[in-house]
N, C-alpha and C. Protein backbone atom coordinates (compact mmCIF):
# COMPACT_ATOMS: atom_id res chain seq x y z
N MET A 1 64.98 87.86 91.11
CA MET A 1 66.33 88.19 90.64
C MET A 1 66.82 89.45 91.31
N THR A 2 68.08 89.45 91.65
CA THR A 2 68.68 90.63 92.26
C THR A 2 69.28 91.53 91.18
N PHE A 3 69.61 92.74 91.57
CA PHE A 3 70.31 93.66 90.67
C PHE A 3 71.58 93.00 90.14
N TYR A 4 72.30 92.33 91.03
CA TYR A 4 73.52 91.60 90.68
C TYR A 4 73.27 90.64 89.51
N ASP A 5 72.20 89.86 89.62
CA ASP A 5 71.85 88.92 88.55
C ASP A 5 71.42 89.64 87.28
N GLU A 6 70.61 90.68 87.44
CA GLU A 6 70.07 91.40 86.29
C GLU A 6 71.16 92.03 85.42
N VAL A 7 72.26 92.47 86.06
CA VAL A 7 73.31 93.15 85.28
C VAL A 7 74.39 92.21 84.77
N GLY A 8 74.28 90.93 85.08
CA GLY A 8 75.25 89.98 84.55
C GLY A 8 76.17 89.36 85.58
N GLY A 9 75.91 89.59 86.84
CA GLY A 9 76.66 88.93 87.90
C GLY A 9 78.09 89.41 88.05
N HIS A 10 78.91 88.49 88.53
CA HIS A 10 80.28 88.81 88.91
C HIS A 10 81.09 89.43 87.76
N ALA A 11 80.91 88.93 86.57
CA ALA A 11 81.69 89.44 85.43
C ALA A 11 81.46 90.93 85.22
N THR A 12 80.24 91.38 85.42
CA THR A 12 79.94 92.80 85.24
C THR A 12 80.65 93.65 86.28
N PHE A 13 80.63 93.21 87.52
CA PHE A 13 81.30 93.98 88.57
C PHE A 13 82.82 93.91 88.43
N GLU A 14 83.34 92.80 87.94
CA GLU A 14 84.78 92.71 87.66
C GLU A 14 85.18 93.72 86.59
N LYS A 15 84.38 93.82 85.54
CA LYS A 15 84.69 94.78 84.46
C LYS A 15 84.62 96.21 84.99
N LEU A 16 83.57 96.53 85.73
CA LEU A 16 83.42 97.86 86.30
C LEU A 16 84.65 98.24 87.12
N VAL A 17 85.06 97.35 87.99
CA VAL A 17 86.18 97.62 88.88
C VAL A 17 87.50 97.65 88.12
N GLN A 18 87.65 96.79 87.13
CA GLN A 18 88.87 96.77 86.32
C GLN A 18 89.07 98.13 85.63
N VAL A 19 88.01 98.63 85.02
CA VAL A 19 88.11 99.92 84.33
C VAL A 19 88.37 101.03 85.34
N PHE A 20 87.68 101.00 86.46
CA PHE A 20 87.86 102.02 87.49
C PHE A 20 89.32 102.08 87.94
N TYR A 21 89.91 100.94 88.28
CA TYR A 21 91.29 100.94 88.77
C TYR A 21 92.31 101.20 87.67
N ARG A 22 91.96 100.94 86.44
CA ARG A 22 92.83 101.33 85.32
C ARG A 22 93.00 102.85 85.34
N GLU A 23 91.90 103.54 85.60
CA GLU A 23 91.91 105.01 85.66
C GLU A 23 92.60 105.52 86.93
N VAL A 24 92.32 104.89 88.07
CA VAL A 24 92.92 105.29 89.34
C VAL A 24 94.44 105.18 89.27
N ALA A 25 94.94 104.15 88.61
CA ALA A 25 96.39 103.95 88.51
C ALA A 25 97.11 105.13 87.88
N LEU A 26 96.39 105.91 87.09
CA LEU A 26 96.96 107.07 86.41
C LEU A 26 96.70 108.38 87.14
N ASP A 27 95.98 108.33 88.24
CA ASP A 27 95.57 109.55 88.93
C ASP A 27 96.56 109.90 90.04
N PRO A 28 97.18 111.08 89.95
CA PRO A 28 98.19 111.46 90.95
C PRO A 28 97.63 111.74 92.34
N VAL A 29 96.36 111.97 92.47
CA VAL A 29 95.76 112.21 93.78
C VAL A 29 95.26 110.90 94.40
N LEU A 30 94.57 110.09 93.62
CA LEU A 30 93.97 108.87 94.17
C LEU A 30 94.96 107.72 94.33
N LYS A 31 95.84 107.53 93.38
CA LYS A 31 96.75 106.37 93.43
C LYS A 31 97.51 106.28 94.76
N PRO A 32 98.04 107.39 95.29
CA PRO A 32 98.78 107.29 96.56
C PRO A 32 97.91 106.88 97.76
N MET A 33 96.60 106.89 97.61
CA MET A 33 95.74 106.50 98.72
C MET A 33 95.67 104.99 98.89
N TYR A 34 96.16 104.26 97.92
CA TYR A 34 96.09 102.80 97.98
C TYR A 34 97.40 102.26 98.51
N PRO A 35 97.35 101.53 99.62
CA PRO A 35 98.58 101.10 100.28
C PRO A 35 99.42 100.11 99.47
N GLU A 36 98.79 99.27 98.68
CA GLU A 36 99.55 98.30 97.89
C GLU A 36 100.00 98.95 96.58
N GLU A 37 101.22 98.65 96.17
CA GLU A 37 101.70 99.14 94.88
C GLU A 37 100.83 98.59 93.76
N ASP A 38 100.47 97.33 93.89
CA ASP A 38 99.60 96.67 92.94
C ASP A 38 98.16 96.93 93.38
N LEU A 39 97.34 97.44 92.51
CA LEU A 39 95.96 97.75 92.88
C LEU A 39 95.07 96.51 92.92
N GLY A 40 95.63 95.35 92.64
CA GLY A 40 94.85 94.10 92.62
C GLY A 40 94.07 93.83 93.89
N PRO A 41 94.70 93.91 95.08
CA PRO A 41 93.94 93.66 96.31
C PRO A 41 92.78 94.64 96.51
N ALA A 42 93.00 95.91 96.19
CA ALA A 42 91.92 96.90 96.32
C ALA A 42 90.79 96.58 95.34
N ALA A 43 91.16 96.18 94.13
CA ALA A 43 90.16 95.83 93.13
C ALA A 43 89.34 94.63 93.58
N GLU A 44 89.98 93.65 94.16
CA GLU A 44 89.26 92.48 94.64
C GLU A 44 88.29 92.87 95.76
N ARG A 45 88.74 93.70 96.69
CA ARG A 45 87.86 94.13 97.78
C ARG A 45 86.64 94.89 97.26
N LEU A 46 86.87 95.80 96.31
CA LEU A 46 85.75 96.57 95.76
C LEU A 46 84.79 95.67 94.98
N THR A 47 85.33 94.76 94.22
CA THR A 47 84.47 93.83 93.46
C THR A 47 83.59 93.03 94.41
N LEU A 48 84.20 92.47 95.46
CA LEU A 48 83.43 91.68 96.42
C LEU A 48 82.39 92.52 97.14
N PHE A 49 82.78 93.74 97.51
CA PHE A 49 81.84 94.62 98.20
C PHE A 49 80.64 94.94 97.30
N LEU A 50 80.90 95.37 96.09
CA LEU A 50 79.79 95.73 95.18
C LEU A 50 78.92 94.53 94.86
N ALA A 51 79.53 93.39 94.65
CA ALA A 51 78.75 92.18 94.36
C ALA A 51 77.81 91.88 95.53
N GLN A 52 78.33 91.93 96.74
CA GLN A 52 77.50 91.65 97.91
C GLN A 52 76.41 92.71 98.08
N TYR A 53 76.78 93.96 97.94
CA TYR A 53 75.81 95.05 98.12
C TYR A 53 74.63 94.89 97.17
N TRP A 54 74.91 94.47 95.94
CA TRP A 54 73.86 94.39 94.93
C TRP A 54 73.20 93.02 94.85
N GLY A 55 73.43 92.17 95.85
CA GLY A 55 72.68 90.91 95.92
C GLY A 55 73.43 89.67 95.50
N GLY A 56 74.74 89.79 95.31
CA GLY A 56 75.55 88.64 94.95
C GLY A 56 76.06 87.90 96.17
N PRO A 57 77.09 87.09 95.99
CA PRO A 57 77.65 86.31 97.10
C PRO A 57 78.08 87.20 98.26
N THR A 58 78.03 86.64 99.45
CA THR A 58 78.37 87.40 100.66
C THR A 58 79.83 87.22 101.06
N THR A 59 80.68 86.97 100.11
CA THR A 59 82.10 86.74 100.36
C THR A 59 82.75 87.92 101.07
N TYR A 60 82.39 89.14 100.69
CA TYR A 60 83.00 90.31 101.32
C TYR A 60 82.76 90.27 102.83
N GLY A 61 81.51 90.12 103.23
CA GLY A 61 81.18 90.09 104.65
C GLY A 61 81.81 88.93 105.38
N GLU A 62 81.89 87.79 104.72
CA GLU A 62 82.48 86.60 105.34
C GLU A 62 83.98 86.76 105.56
N THR A 63 84.64 87.49 104.70
CA THR A 63 86.09 87.64 104.83
C THR A 63 86.51 88.93 105.53
N ARG A 64 85.72 89.99 105.40
CA ARG A 64 86.13 91.29 105.95
C ARG A 64 85.19 91.85 107.01
N GLY A 65 84.06 91.21 107.20
CA GLY A 65 83.11 91.72 108.18
C GLY A 65 82.24 92.82 107.58
N HIS A 66 81.59 93.56 108.45
CA HIS A 66 80.71 94.66 108.02
C HIS A 66 81.52 95.67 107.22
N PRO A 67 80.96 96.21 106.14
CA PRO A 67 81.71 97.14 105.32
C PRO A 67 82.26 98.37 106.05
N ARG A 68 81.51 98.97 106.95
CA ARG A 68 81.96 100.15 107.70
C ARG A 68 82.74 101.12 106.80
N LEU A 69 82.11 101.53 105.72
CA LEU A 69 82.80 102.32 104.71
C LEU A 69 83.42 103.60 105.26
N ARG A 70 82.67 104.36 106.06
CA ARG A 70 83.25 105.61 106.60
C ARG A 70 84.47 105.31 107.45
N MET A 71 84.40 104.31 108.30
CA MET A 71 85.52 103.98 109.16
C MET A 71 86.73 103.53 108.33
N ARG A 72 86.52 102.69 107.35
CA ARG A 72 87.63 102.18 106.55
C ARG A 72 88.30 103.28 105.72
N HIS A 73 87.56 104.33 105.40
CA HIS A 73 88.11 105.41 104.60
C HIS A 73 88.65 106.58 105.43
N MET A 74 88.39 106.57 106.73
CA MET A 74 88.79 107.68 107.58
C MET A 74 90.30 107.98 107.55
N PRO A 75 91.16 106.99 107.45
CA PRO A 75 92.60 107.33 107.44
C PRO A 75 93.05 108.12 106.21
N PHE A 76 92.21 108.21 105.22
CA PHE A 76 92.61 108.87 103.98
C PHE A 76 92.02 110.26 103.87
N HIS A 77 92.76 111.14 103.26
CA HIS A 77 92.39 112.54 103.07
C HIS A 77 91.43 112.60 101.87
N ILE A 78 90.13 112.54 102.16
CA ILE A 78 89.14 112.53 101.08
C ILE A 78 88.41 113.87 101.11
N ASP A 79 88.88 114.75 100.25
CA ASP A 79 88.27 116.07 100.12
C ASP A 79 87.42 116.08 98.85
N PRO A 80 86.74 117.19 98.57
CA PRO A 80 85.90 117.21 97.37
C PRO A 80 86.65 116.92 96.07
N ASP A 81 87.92 117.31 95.98
CA ASP A 81 88.70 116.99 94.78
C ASP A 81 88.87 115.48 94.63
N ALA A 82 89.23 114.80 95.72
CA ALA A 82 89.39 113.33 95.67
C ALA A 82 88.06 112.68 95.31
N ARG A 83 86.97 113.16 95.92
CA ARG A 83 85.64 112.62 95.60
C ARG A 83 85.33 112.79 94.12
N ASP A 84 85.57 113.97 93.58
CA ASP A 84 85.25 114.24 92.18
C ASP A 84 86.11 113.40 91.23
N ARG A 85 87.35 113.18 91.59
CA ARG A 85 88.22 112.33 90.78
C ARG A 85 87.70 110.88 90.81
N TRP A 86 87.33 110.42 92.02
CA TRP A 86 86.79 109.07 92.17
C TRP A 86 85.55 108.92 91.30
N LEU A 87 84.68 109.91 91.37
CA LEU A 87 83.46 109.86 90.56
C LEU A 87 83.76 109.89 89.07
N ALA A 88 84.72 110.68 88.65
CA ALA A 88 85.05 110.75 87.22
C ALA A 88 85.54 109.39 86.72
N HIS A 89 86.38 108.74 87.51
CA HIS A 89 86.89 107.42 87.10
C HIS A 89 85.78 106.37 87.14
N MET A 90 84.92 106.49 88.13
CA MET A 90 83.81 105.54 88.21
C MET A 90 82.81 105.79 87.08
N ARG A 91 82.65 107.05 86.69
CA ARG A 91 81.76 107.36 85.55
C ARG A 91 82.28 106.68 84.29
N THR A 92 83.58 106.75 84.08
CA THR A 92 84.20 106.07 82.93
C THR A 92 83.90 104.57 83.01
N ALA A 93 84.07 104.00 84.19
CA ALA A 93 83.85 102.56 84.36
C ALA A 93 82.40 102.18 84.13
N VAL A 94 81.48 102.97 84.65
CA VAL A 94 80.06 102.68 84.46
C VAL A 94 79.70 102.77 82.97
N THR A 95 80.19 103.78 82.31
CA THR A 95 79.91 103.96 80.89
C THR A 95 80.46 102.78 80.08
N GLU A 96 81.69 102.37 80.37
CA GLU A 96 82.30 101.26 79.62
C GLU A 96 81.65 99.91 79.93
N THR A 97 80.97 99.81 81.06
CA THR A 97 80.30 98.57 81.42
C THR A 97 79.03 98.36 80.60
N LYS A 98 78.47 99.43 80.07
CA LYS A 98 77.34 99.36 79.14
C LYS A 98 76.12 98.65 79.73
N LEU A 99 75.64 99.18 80.83
CA LEU A 99 74.43 98.66 81.45
C LEU A 99 73.21 99.25 80.76
N SER A 100 72.06 98.68 81.01
CA SER A 100 70.83 99.28 80.51
C SER A 100 70.66 100.64 81.18
N PRO A 101 69.93 101.56 80.58
CA PRO A 101 69.75 102.88 81.20
C PRO A 101 69.22 102.82 82.65
N LEU A 102 68.27 101.95 82.91
CA LEU A 102 67.73 101.84 84.26
C LEU A 102 68.79 101.33 85.24
N HIS A 103 69.51 100.29 84.86
CA HIS A 103 70.55 99.75 85.75
C HIS A 103 71.67 100.76 85.93
N GLU A 104 72.04 101.43 84.87
CA GLU A 104 73.09 102.45 84.99
C GLU A 104 72.68 103.56 85.95
N ALA A 105 71.46 104.05 85.82
CA ALA A 105 70.98 105.11 86.70
C ALA A 105 70.92 104.65 88.15
N THR A 106 70.49 103.43 88.36
CA THR A 106 70.40 102.88 89.72
C THR A 106 71.78 102.77 90.34
N LEU A 107 72.72 102.20 89.60
CA LEU A 107 74.08 102.05 90.09
C LEU A 107 74.73 103.41 90.33
N TRP A 108 74.57 104.32 89.38
CA TRP A 108 75.21 105.64 89.49
C TRP A 108 74.65 106.41 90.69
N ASP A 109 73.37 106.30 90.94
CA ASP A 109 72.79 106.98 92.10
C ASP A 109 73.48 106.51 93.38
N TYR A 110 73.65 105.22 93.52
CA TYR A 110 74.32 104.69 94.71
C TYR A 110 75.78 105.17 94.78
N LEU A 111 76.52 105.05 93.69
CA LEU A 111 77.93 105.42 93.70
C LEU A 111 78.12 106.89 94.02
N GLU A 112 77.27 107.72 93.48
CA GLU A 112 77.37 109.16 93.75
C GLU A 112 77.09 109.46 95.22
N ARG A 113 76.05 108.86 95.77
CA ARG A 113 75.75 109.07 97.19
C ARG A 113 76.88 108.55 98.08
N ALA A 114 77.43 107.40 97.73
CA ALA A 114 78.53 106.83 98.52
C ALA A 114 79.76 107.73 98.47
N ALA A 115 80.08 108.24 97.31
CA ALA A 115 81.26 109.11 97.17
C ALA A 115 81.11 110.37 98.01
N TYR A 116 79.94 110.96 98.00
CA TYR A 116 79.72 112.16 98.82
C TYR A 116 79.81 111.84 100.31
N ALA A 117 79.37 110.67 100.70
CA ALA A 117 79.41 110.27 102.11
C ALA A 117 80.83 110.01 102.59
N MET A 118 81.76 109.73 101.70
CA MET A 118 83.13 109.41 102.10
C MET A 118 83.99 110.65 102.35
N VAL A 119 83.53 111.81 101.91
CA VAL A 119 84.30 113.04 102.14
C VAL A 119 84.46 113.24 103.65
N ASN A 120 85.73 113.39 104.07
CA ASN A 120 85.98 113.54 105.50
C ASN A 120 86.78 114.80 105.84
N THR A 121 87.04 115.63 104.84
CA THR A 121 87.70 116.91 105.08
C THR A 121 87.40 117.85 103.93
N PHE A 122 87.42 119.12 104.25
CA PHE A 122 87.29 120.13 103.20
C PHE A 122 88.58 120.91 103.08
N GLU A 123 89.61 120.45 103.79
CA GLU A 123 90.93 121.05 103.71
C GLU A 123 91.64 120.50 102.49
N PRO A 124 92.35 121.35 101.75
CA PRO A 124 93.12 120.81 100.63
C PRO A 124 94.23 119.90 101.15
N SER A 125 94.70 119.02 100.32
CA SER A 125 95.74 118.07 100.71
C SER A 125 96.93 118.80 101.30
N GLY A 126 97.46 118.28 102.39
CA GLY A 126 98.63 118.86 103.03
C GLY A 126 98.30 119.84 104.13
N ILE A 127 97.01 120.11 104.36
CA ILE A 127 96.61 121.06 105.40
C ILE A 127 95.54 120.43 106.27
N GLY A 128 95.67 120.58 107.56
CA GLY A 128 94.58 120.24 108.47
C GLY A 128 94.45 118.82 108.96
N PRO A 129 94.34 117.82 108.12
CA PRO A 129 93.99 116.50 108.61
C PRO A 129 94.97 115.91 109.63
N GLU A 130 96.26 116.30 109.57
CA GLU A 130 97.19 115.75 110.55
C GLU A 130 96.76 116.12 111.97
N ALA A 131 96.17 117.27 112.12
CA ALA A 131 95.72 117.70 113.45
C ALA A 131 94.68 116.75 114.00
N SER A 132 93.93 116.12 113.12
CA SER A 132 92.91 115.18 113.58
C SER A 132 93.43 113.74 113.59
N GLY A 133 94.72 113.57 113.39
CA GLY A 133 95.31 112.24 113.46
C GLY A 133 95.40 111.53 112.13
N ARG A 134 94.87 112.11 111.06
CA ARG A 134 94.95 111.47 109.74
C ARG A 134 96.15 112.03 109.01
N PRO A 135 97.01 111.18 108.51
CA PRO A 135 98.15 111.69 107.75
C PRO A 135 97.70 112.22 106.40
N THR A 136 98.36 113.27 105.96
CA THR A 136 98.06 113.78 104.62
C THR A 136 98.83 112.93 103.61
N LEU A 137 98.49 113.08 102.36
CA LEU A 137 99.21 112.37 101.31
C LEU A 137 100.69 112.75 101.34
N GLU A 138 100.95 114.04 101.56
CA GLU A 138 102.34 114.52 101.60
C GLU A 138 103.11 113.86 102.75
N THR A 139 102.49 113.78 103.92
CA THR A 139 103.15 113.15 105.07
C THR A 139 103.38 111.67 104.82
N ARG A 140 102.40 110.98 104.26
CA ARG A 140 102.57 109.56 103.97
C ARG A 140 103.68 109.35 102.95
N ALA A 141 103.77 110.21 101.96
CA ALA A 141 104.83 110.09 100.95
C ALA A 141 106.20 110.29 101.60
N ARG A 142 106.30 111.27 102.51
CA ARG A 142 107.56 111.49 103.22
C ARG A 142 107.93 110.28 104.06
N GLN A 143 106.94 109.73 104.76
CA GLN A 143 107.19 108.56 105.60
C GLN A 143 107.65 107.37 104.76
N GLU A 144 107.00 107.16 103.63
CA GLU A 144 107.38 106.05 102.76
C GLU A 144 108.78 106.23 102.18
N SER A 145 109.13 107.46 101.80
CA SER A 145 110.47 107.68 101.24
C SER A 145 111.53 107.49 102.31
N THR A 146 111.23 107.84 103.55
CA THR A 146 112.16 107.62 104.66
C THR A 146 112.32 106.14 104.93
N GLU A 147 111.20 105.41 104.93
CA GLU A 147 111.23 103.97 105.17
C GLU A 147 111.97 103.23 104.06
N ASN A 148 111.83 103.70 102.83
CA ASN A 148 112.46 103.04 101.69
C ASN A 148 113.91 103.42 101.49
N ALA A 149 114.36 104.43 102.22
CA ALA A 149 115.75 104.90 102.05
C ALA A 149 116.74 104.01 102.76
């Protein structure tokens, strides 16, 4: 049996991700990082990724290829504040998913390591990343308001 099977399969990862994105939708720093107004596509991608990572169906890889997490997150300004917010929302999701202590600790260890690995700047939002070609949240918001005008 895989970790995926042990924790209840797809339904467990759907619940985890549902709670996580419920929290992200209310976060003024994280929400703007998601390109779709509806967080549904992002939730589906994360559910498929986590399911595959933990031994479930390989749908993520079949539809999106190798995860390449650092590369996929590089366009976004992920500083320690964004990481900590992501972890806080994921902590809520993990807690509400009500896994056994061993499964919770195993999952949390992975999520925490992954969140730290995604940090790609130590500059506060609005400073620095544009120089490296990554738009800041402020710049993206300006671009979107110009496009929508």
